[in-house]
């Protein structure tokens, strides 16, 4: 279902971009993404429940280390080998954004540990500040090696972290704490009940808007070879992390399946929102791996969830 929503949103956004002048970017889009995609997950967690981290501390530490060391290194190697700094930057951004809008659904489908999944989700949302910093450092120190593109010298590392930090993290967190007060007790159940609908509508609006931006018109100028190169680079990245996950986690344990899903999934919609800041720096190819990631990740995670559920039912 979500693949259909993504395809429809991309096509609609590009058609709007082709026939009309295109939208001007507003930082309010990131605020919208934070409130509709991240904040609902924060409503599920209470401070006193964080002790579950200590019950599975080795599992949590291993997952965090993999997501902030091996996975970014893998993305860097694959991205730089393409010879295109837009693809390289895009893969690196994906590598430092663990989690995703649908990960809780896949955890539930695969009979994994849902409570631990909520903890993981909250933990990684809180670490996205580190993710943004790593992405900026990557743009500043690594991408200048691509000397053939002059824009990297003028705009390298230009992502405004303060905007992403406040709109995607701080404001959603404060909002979630306000909504958990006794005066608003009726609101969190509504978010839980309609979370899938809110997520799907939000994803459609965000993708439509981003592909309808004036900057996204640059996609029409990209040579077909870069679409092919982006697809295979993104596919190799996901197949690699899937293989690593299968090697380091025991799929017979619900807790380890949860950790596995937080290794193979990336918060793609947040990456797409950040791309609106970065496309002028890294060029139109920056959007391609993020776009490809939607189809690859949804297919891969859905396959895992349904396959494991089928095995359990036999």
Protein backbone atom coordinates (compact mmCIF):
# COMPACT_ATOMS: atom_id res chain seq x y z
CA UNK A 1 0.00 0.00 0.00
CA UNK A 2 2.74 2.46 0.95
CA UNK A 3 4.66 1.79 -2.27
CA UNK A 4 1.54 2.83 -4.20
CA UNK A 5 1.30 6.02 -2.10
CA UNK A 6 4.97 6.83 -2.73
CA UNK A 7 4.67 6.25 -6.50
CA UNK A 8 1.50 8.35 -6.71
CA UNK A 9 3.09 11.17 -4.69
CA UNK A 10 6.28 11.19 -6.81
CA UNK A 11 4.38 11.18 -10.10
CA UNK A 12 1.95 13.87 -8.88
CA UNK A 13 4.78 16.07 -7.60
CA UNK A 14 6.81 15.76 -10.80
CA UNK A 15 3.76 16.46 -12.97
CA UNK A 16 3.01 19.58 -10.94
CA UNK A 17 6.66 20.59 -11.24
CA UNK A 18 6.64 20.04 -15.00
CA UNK A 19 3.47 22.00 -15.78
CA UNK A 20 3.67 24.71 -13.08
CA UNK A 21 6.43 26.95 -11.67
CA UNK A 22 7.04 24.76 -8.61
CA UNK A 23 6.89 25.39 -4.88
CA UNK A 24 9.28 27.50 -2.83
CA UNK A 25 10.77 25.53 0.04
CA UNK A 26 9.58 26.32 3.56
CA UNK A 27 11.14 25.05 6.78
CA UNK A 28 7.55 24.43 7.94
CA UNK A 29 7.68 21.23 5.89
CA UNK A 30 10.25 19.80 8.32
CA UNK A 31 8.06 20.87 11.24
CA UNK A 32 5.12 19.10 9.60
CA UNK A 33 7.26 15.96 9.16
CA UNK A 34 8.40 16.10 12.78
CA UNK A 35 4.87 16.47 14.16
CA UNK A 36 3.23 13.84 11.96
CA UNK A 37 5.99 11.22 11.60
CA UNK A 38 8.19 11.47 14.70
CA UNK A 39 5.92 12.91 17.39
CA UNK A 40 3.34 10.04 17.31
CA UNK A 41 6.12 7.56 18.15
CA UNK A 42 7.22 9.74 21.07
CA UNK A 43 3.68 9.57 22.49
CA UNK A 44 4.15 5.84 23.02
CA UNK A 45 7.04 6.23 25.42
CA UNK A 46 7.12 7.24 29.07
CA UNK A 47 10.31 8.23 30.85
CA UNK A 48 9.99 5.48 33.48
CA UNK A 49 9.82 2.82 30.74
CA UNK A 50 13.33 3.58 29.52
CA UNK A 51 14.73 1.02 31.96
CA UNK A 52 14.03 -1.64 29.31
CA UNK A 53 17.21 -0.32 27.66
CA UNK A 54 19.22 -1.64 30.62
CA UNK A 55 17.52 -5.04 30.35
CA UNK A 56 18.85 -5.36 26.78
CA UNK A 57 21.84 -3.02 27.00
CA UNK A 58 24.22 -5.27 25.04
CA UNK A 59 21.70 -5.57 22.20
CA UNK A 60 21.07 -1.81 22.19
CA UNK A 61 24.78 -0.90 22.30
CA UNK A 62 25.58 -3.31 19.46
CA UNK A 63 22.77 -1.89 17.33
CA UNK A 64 23.81 1.72 17.93
CA UNK A 65 27.47 0.95 17.18
CA UNK A 66 26.56 -0.80 13.93
CA UNK A 67 24.29 2.06 12.88
CA UNK A 68 26.88 4.73 13.57
CA UNK A 69 30.09 2.99 12.52
CA UNK A 70 29.85 0.04 10.13
CA UNK A 71 26.71 1.12 8.23
CA UNK A 72 27.96 4.70 7.51
CA UNK A 73 31.37 3.30 6.51
CA UNK A 74 29.66 0.88 4.13
CA UNK A 75 27.54 3.70 2.67
CA UNK A 76 30.64 5.84 2.25
CA UNK A 77 32.51 3.11 0.35
CA UNK A 78 29.56 2.32 -1.94
CA UNK A 79 28.73 5.99 -2.50
CA UNK A 80 32.27 7.14 -3.24
CA UNK A 81 32.79 4.23 -5.63
CA UNK A 82 30.02 5.64 -7.86
CA UNK A 83 32.12 8.73 -8.53
CA UNK A 84 29.11 11.00 -7.97
CA UNK A 85 29.09 13.15 -4.85
CA UNK A 86 25.29 13.53 -4.88
CA UNK A 87 24.77 9.77 -4.69
CA UNK A 88 27.54 9.45 -2.10
CA UNK A 89 26.02 12.13 0.15
CA UNK A 90 22.54 10.68 -0.19
CA UNK A 91 23.61 7.16 0.81
CA UNK A 92 25.55 8.53 3.76
CA UNK A 93 22.53 10.51 4.95
CA UNK A 94 20.37 7.39 4.76
CA UNK A 95 23.00 5.40 6.67
CA UNK A 96 22.84 7.66 9.74
CA UNK A 97 19.03 7.77 9.99
CA UNK A 98 18.04 4.44 11.51
CA UNK A 99 14.36 3.61 11.93
CA UNK A 100 11.41 4.64 9.81
CA UNK A 101 7.76 5.53 9.66
CA UNK A 102 6.66 1.92 9.11
CA UNK A 103 9.18 0.08 11.28
CA UNK A 104 6.71 -0.40 14.16
CA UNK A 105 4.26 -2.03 11.73
CA UNK A 106 6.96 -4.43 10.50
CA UNK A 107 7.93 -5.24 14.09
CA UNK A 108 4.33 -6.14 14.84
CA UNK A 109 3.94 -8.24 11.66
CA UNK A 110 7.10 -10.23 12.38
CA UNK A 111 6.05 -10.94 16.00
CA UNK A 112 9.07 -9.02 17.30
CA UNK A 113 9.33 -7.12 20.60
CA UNK A 114 7.09 -4.08 20.11
CA UNK A 115 7.95 -2.45 23.41
CA UNK A 116 11.67 -2.65 22.69
CA UNK A 117 10.90 -1.24 19.24
CA UNK A 118 9.33 1.85 20.82
CA UNK A 119 12.47 2.31 22.92
CA UNK A 120 14.69 1.93 19.86
CA UNK A 121 12.56 4.42 17.94
CA UNK A 122 12.76 7.01 20.72
CA UNK A 123 16.49 6.41 21.14
CA UNK A 124 17.28 6.95 17.47
CA UNK A 125 15.05 10.00 17.21
CA UNK A 126 17.06 11.50 20.09
CA UNK A 127 20.30 10.60 18.23
CA UNK A 128 19.29 12.29 14.99
CA UNK A 129 21.08 15.40 16.20
CA UNK A 130 24.27 13.33 15.97
CA UNK A 131 23.16 12.09 12.55
CA UNK A 132 22.82 15.65 11.23
CA UNK A 133 26.27 16.56 12.56
CA UNK A 134 27.85 13.48 10.94
CA UNK A 135 26.19 14.34 7.64
CA UNK A 136 27.51 17.89 7.78
CA UNK A 137 31.03 16.64 8.59
CA UNK A 138 30.80 14.19 5.70
CA UNK A 139 29.90 17.00 3.32
CA UNK A 140 32.65 19.22 4.66
CA UNK A 141 35.57 16.80 4.77
CA UNK A 142 34.80 14.01 2.27
CA UNK A 143 32.91 15.50 -0.65
CA UNK A 144 35.52 18.16 -1.54
CA UNK A 145 37.50 15.29 -3.08
CA UNK A 146 35.05 15.59 -5.98
CA UNK A 147 36.92 18.53 -7.42
CA UNK A 148 35.03 18.55 -10.70
CA UNK A 149 31.93 20.13 -9.16
CA UNK A 150 32.45 23.81 -8.22
CA UNK A 151 29.29 24.10 -6.10
CA UNK A 152 30.79 21.90 -3.40
CA UNK A 153 33.36 24.60 -2.62
CA UNK A 154 30.77 27.33 -2.21
CA UNK A 155 28.10 25.39 -0.36
CA UNK A 156 29.75 22.32 1.18
CA UNK A 157 28.09 21.16 4.38
CA UNK A 158 25.38 23.81 3.98
CA UNK A 159 22.57 21.89 5.67
CA UNK A 160 21.19 24.18 8.42
CA UNK A 161 21.36 21.74 11.33
CA UNK A 162 19.66 24.14 13.74
CA UNK A 163 16.48 24.08 11.63
CA UNK A 164 16.44 20.30 11.32
CA UNK A 165 17.25 19.87 15.01
CA UNK A 166 14.42 22.08 16.25
CA UNK A 167 11.74 21.15 13.72
CA UNK A 168 12.37 17.41 13.63
CA UNK A 169 13.38 16.81 17.26
CA UNK A 170 12.90 19.53 19.85
CA UNK A 171 9.42 20.79 18.90
CA UNK A 172 7.97 17.26 18.36
CA UNK A 173 9.41 16.16 21.73
CA UNK A 174 7.96 19.15 23.60
CA UNK A 175 4.63 18.65 21.84
CA UNK A 176 4.55 14.96 22.81
CA UNK A 177 5.18 15.81 26.48
CA UNK A 178 2.37 18.40 26.43
CA UNK A 179 -0.06 15.93 24.86
CA UNK A 180 0.75 13.38 27.58
CA UNK A 181 -0.49 15.75 30.30
CA UNK A 182 -3.77 14.80 31.94
CA UNK A 183 -5.61 17.61 30.14
CA UNK A 184 -4.98 15.97 26.76
CA UNK A 185 -5.37 12.27 27.63
CA UNK A 186 -7.90 11.80 24.80
CA UNK A 187 -5.39 12.76 22.10
CA UNK A 188 -2.68 10.01 22.31
CA UNK A 189 -5.24 7.20 21.79
CA UNK A 190 -6.44 8.96 18.63
CA UNK A 191 -2.88 9.07 17.30
CA UNK A 192 -2.41 5.38 18.09
CA UNK A 193 -5.72 4.46 16.44
CA UNK A 194 -5.13 6.45 13.26
CA UNK A 195 -1.31 6.30 13.17
CA UNK A 196 -1.18 4.40 9.86
CA UNK A 197 -3.55 6.86 8.16
CA UNK A 198 -1.71 9.87 9.58
CA UNK A 199 1.63 8.41 8.42
CA UNK A 200 0.40 7.62 4.89
CA UNK A 201 -1.25 11.02 4.40
CA UNK A 202 1.84 12.77 5.79
CA UNK A 203 4.19 10.80 3.53
CA UNK A 204 2.06 11.63 0.46
CA UNK A 205 2.01 15.36 1.29
CA UNK A 206 5.76 15.52 2.01
CA UNK A 207 6.80 13.59 -1.10
CA UNK A 208 4.38 15.49 -3.34
CA UNK A 209 5.63 18.81 -1.98
CA UNK A 210 9.33 17.92 -2.28
CA UNK A 211 9.03 16.64 -5.84
CA UNK A 212 6.98 19.72 -6.65
CA UNK A 213 9.75 22.08 -5.48
CA UNK A 214 11.52 24.27 -8.02
CA UNK A 215 14.80 22.52 -7.17
CA UNK A 216 13.29 19.14 -8.04
CA UNK A 217 12.90 20.31 -11.63
CA UNK A 218 16.60 19.47 -11.92
CA UNK A 219 15.57 15.80 -12.01
CA UNK A 220 14.47 16.32 -15.62
CA UNK A 221 18.08 17.19 -16.51
CA UNK A 222 19.67 13.99 -15.13
CA UNK A 223 21.09 11.53 -17.65
CA UNK A 224 19.51 8.02 -17.50
CA UNK A 225 22.85 6.47 -16.50
CA UNK A 226 22.63 8.19 -13.09
CA UNK A 227 19.23 6.61 -12.40
CA UNK A 228 20.77 3.19 -13.10
CA UNK A 229 23.87 3.98 -11.04
CA UNK A 230 21.73 5.23 -8.12
CA UNK A 231 19.49 2.18 -8.18
CA UNK A 232 22.33 -0.33 -8.05
CA UNK A 233 24.27 1.64 -5.42
CA UNK A 234 21.16 1.81 -3.20
CA UNK A 235 20.33 -1.85 -3.81
CA UNK A 236 23.88 -2.96 -2.92
CA UNK A 237 23.70 -0.83 0.24
CA UNK A 238 20.44 -2.43 1.41
CA UNK A 239 21.44 -5.98 0.46
CA UNK A 240 24.70 -5.47 2.38
CA UNK A 241 23.04 -4.29 5.60
CA UNK A 242 20.43 -7.05 5.29
CA UNK A 243 23.23 -9.63 5.02
CA UNK A 244 25.09 -8.12 7.97
CA UNK A 245 21.90 -8.17 10.05
CA UNK A 246 21.28 -11.82 9.27
CA UNK A 247 24.82 -12.64 10.39
CA UNK A 248 24.82 -10.76 13.71
CA UNK A 249 21.26 -11.34 14.94
CA UNK A 250 19.39 -14.49 15.98
CA UNK A 251 16.07 -14.40 14.14
CA UNK A 252 14.53 -16.88 16.57
CA UNK A 253 14.51 -14.23 19.34
CA UNK A 254 11.88 -11.47 19.26
CA UNK A 255 14.25 -8.87 20.72
CA UNK A 256 16.92 -9.59 18.12
CA UNK A 257 14.38 -9.38 15.29
CA UNK A 258 13.50 -5.90 16.56
CA UNK A 259 17.18 -4.88 16.52
CA UNK A 260 17.50 -6.38 13.03
CA UNK A 261 14.66 -4.22 11.71
CA UNK A 262 16.33 -1.11 13.14
CA UNK A 263 19.44 -2.07 11.21
CA UNK A 264 17.84 -2.60 7.79
CA UNK A 265 15.41 0.35 7.87
CA UNK A 266 16.21 4.02 7.35
CA UNK A 267 13.97 7.03 8.04
CA UNK A 268 13.64 7.81 4.34
CA UNK A 269 10.97 10.50 4.58
CA UNK A 270 13.11 12.52 7.00
CA UNK A 271 16.04 12.11 4.58
CA UNK A 272 13.82 13.36 1.77
CA UNK A 273 12.80 16.38 3.85
CA UNK A 274 16.46 17.16 4.56
CA UNK A 275 17.23 16.82 0.84
CA UNK A 276 15.27 20.02 0.27
CA UNK A 277 18.03 21.84 2.16
CA UNK A 278 20.80 19.99 0.37
CA UNK A 279 19.93 19.55 -3.31
CA UNK A 280 21.62 22.83 -4.31
CA UNK A 281 24.80 21.70 -2.58
CA UNK A 282 24.93 18.13 -3.81
CA UNK A 283 23.02 18.38 -7.07
CA UNK A 284 19.90 16.64 -8.44
CA UNK A 285 21.40 13.13 -8.11
CA UNK A 286 21.19 13.60 -4.34
CA UNK A 287 17.47 12.83 -4.46
CA UNK A 288 17.82 9.62 -6.49
CA UNK A 289 19.06 7.12 -3.83
CA UNK A 290 16.45 8.43 -1.37
CA UNK A 291 13.75 7.91 -4.00
CA UNK A 292 15.06 4.40 -4.82
CA UNK A 293 15.26 3.58 -1.09
CA UNK A 294 11.48 3.81 -0.71
CA UNK A 295 10.86 0.91 -3.07
CA UNK A 296 13.80 -1.22 -1.94
CA UNK A 297 13.26 -0.77 1.80
CA UNK A 298 9.51 -1.28 1.78
CA UNK A 299 9.85 -4.41 -0.37
CA UNK A 300 12.71 -5.82 1.72
CA UNK A 301 11.19 -5.16 5.16
CA UNK A 302 7.76 -6.37 4.06
CA UNK A 303 9.31 -9.55 2.65
CA UNK A 304 11.11 -10.20 5.94
CA UNK A 305 8.02 -9.54 8.06
CA UNK A 306 5.66 -11.69 6.00
CA UNK A 307 8.21 -14.48 5.51
CA UNK A 308 8.96 -14.74 9.22
CA UNK A 309 5.25 -14.62 10.11
CA UNK A 310 4.58 -17.47 7.64
CA UNK A 311 7.34 -19.58 9.17
CA UNK A 312 5.92 -19.10 12.66
CA UNK A 313 2.45 -20.13 11.53
CA UNK A 314 3.67 -23.44 10.06
